[in-house]
Amino acid sequence: MTVEENLAMGGFFAERDQFQERIKWVYELFPRLHERRVQRAGTMSGGEQQMLAMVAR
């Protein structure tokens, strides 16, 4: 799954407004994830994968 897909799964039960705010916050906190948003998570570096794991809950 891509970065965006992982974040969407993590926010599946959130209301749309809350989800959009959270995505904005994630990309501000970790700009590298924004750069990699269409990349498959398994092809990212270990550090990038950890960033995604921390916010994709």
C-alpha atoms as a PDB file:
ATOM      1  CA  MET A   1       0.000   0.000   0.000  1.00  0.00           C
ATOM      2  CA  THR A   2       1.116   3.568  -0.598  1.00  0.00           C
ATOM      3  CA  VAL A   3       1.678   6.181   2.098  1.00  0.00           C
ATOM      4  CA  GLU A   4      -1.713   7.752   1.273  1.00  0.00           C
ATOM      5  CA  GLU A   5      -3.468   4.373   1.433  1.00  0.00           C
ATOM      6  CA  ASN A   6      -1.899   3.623   4.825  1.00  0.00           C
ATOM      7  CA  LEU A   7      -3.002   6.984   6.190  1.00  0.00           C
ATOM      8  CA  ALA A   8      -6.502   6.477   4.793  1.00  0.00           C
ATOM      9  CA  MET A   9      -6.772   3.085   6.501  1.00  0.00           C
ATOM     10  CA  GLY A  10      -5.650   4.649   9.775  1.00  0.00           C
ATOM     11  CA  GLY A  11      -8.367   7.305   9.459  1.00  0.00           C
ATOM     12  CA  PHE A  12     -11.106   5.009   8.173  1.00  0.00           C
ATOM     13  CA  PHE A  13     -13.510   5.735  11.034  1.00  0.00           C
ATOM     14  CA  ALA A  14     -12.734   9.456  11.329  1.00  0.00           C
ATOM     15  CA  GLU A  15     -15.089  12.091  10.022  1.00  0.00           C
ATOM     16  CA  ARG A  16     -13.942  13.664   6.767  1.00  0.00           C
ATOM     17  CA  ASP A  17     -13.074  17.057   8.303  1.00  0.00           C
ATOM     18  CA  GLN A  18     -11.053  15.434  11.064  1.00  0.00           C
ATOM     19  CA  PHE A  19      -9.314  13.168   8.577  1.00  0.00           C
ATOM     20  CA  GLN A  20      -8.283  16.062   6.317  1.00  0.00           C
ATOM     21  CA  GLU A  21      -6.894  17.982   9.303  1.00  0.00           C
ATOM     22  CA  ARG A  22      -4.955  14.932  10.462  1.00  0.00           C
ATOM     23  CA  ILE A  23      -3.436  14.390   7.014  1.00  0.00           C
ATOM     24  CA  LYS A  24      -2.384  18.033   6.903  1.00  0.00           C
ATOM     25  CA  TRP A  25      -0.802  17.689  10.356  1.00  0.00           C
ATOM     26  CA  VAL A  26       1.028  14.478   9.360  1.00  0.00           C
ATOM     27  CA  TYR A  27       2.497  16.063   6.238  1.00  0.00           C
ATOM     28  CA  GLU A  28       3.589  19.149   8.217  1.00  0.00           C
ATOM     29  CA  LEU A  29       5.184  16.954  10.884  1.00  0.00           C
ATOM     30  CA  PHE A  30       6.867  14.638   8.360  1.00  0.00           C
ATOM     31  CA  PRO A  31       7.349  16.450   5.027  1.00  0.00           C
ATOM     32  CA  ARG A  32       9.180  13.380   3.702  1.00  0.00           C
ATOM     33  CA  LEU A  33       5.898  11.430   3.827  1.00  0.00           C
ATOM     34  CA  HIS A  34       4.273  14.086   1.651  1.00  0.00           C
ATOM     35  CA  GLU A  35       7.091  13.676  -0.871  1.00  0.00           C
ATOM     36  CA  ARG A  36       6.564   9.911  -0.814  1.00  0.00           C
ATOM     37  CA  ARG A  37       2.747   9.891  -0.636  1.00  0.00           C
ATOM     38  CA  VAL A  38       2.285   7.763  -3.788  1.00  0.00           C
ATOM     39  CA  GLN A  39       5.202   5.444  -3.043  1.00  0.00           C
ATOM     40  CA  ARG A  40       4.635   1.955  -1.699  1.00  0.00           C
ATOM     41  CA  ALA A  41       5.546   1.884   1.971  1.00  0.00           C
ATOM     42  CA  GLY A  42       7.613  -1.291   1.597  1.00  0.00           C
ATOM     43  CA  THR A  43      10.040   0.458  -0.744  1.00  0.00           C
ATOM     44  CA  MET A  44      10.805   3.324   1.638  1.00  0.00           C
ATOM     45  CA  SER A  45      13.776   3.482   4.014  1.00  0.00           C
ATOM     46  CA  GLY A  46      13.421   2.059   7.500  1.00  0.00           C
ATOM     47  CA  GLY A  47      13.204   5.534   9.019  1.00  0.00           C
ATOM     48  CA  GLU A  48      10.477   6.584   6.599  1.00  0.00           C
ATOM     49  CA  GLN A  49       8.556   3.403   7.385  1.00  0.00           C
ATOM     50  CA  GLN A  50       8.805   4.194  11.094  1.00  0.00           C
ATOM     51  CA  MET A  51       7.450   7.705  10.497  1.00  0.00           C
ATOM     52  CA  LEU A  52       4.475   6.192   8.689  1.00  0.00           C
ATOM     53  CA  ALA A  53       3.931   3.553  11.362  1.00  0.00           C
ATOM     54  CA  MET A  54       3.791   6.226  14.075  1.00  0.00           C
ATOM     55  CA  VAL A  55       1.036   8.209  12.361  1.00  0.00           C
ATOM     56  CA  ALA A  56      -0.953   5.535  10.503  1.00  0.00           C
ATOM     57  CA  ARG A  57      -2.820   4.278  13.558  1.00  0.00           C
END
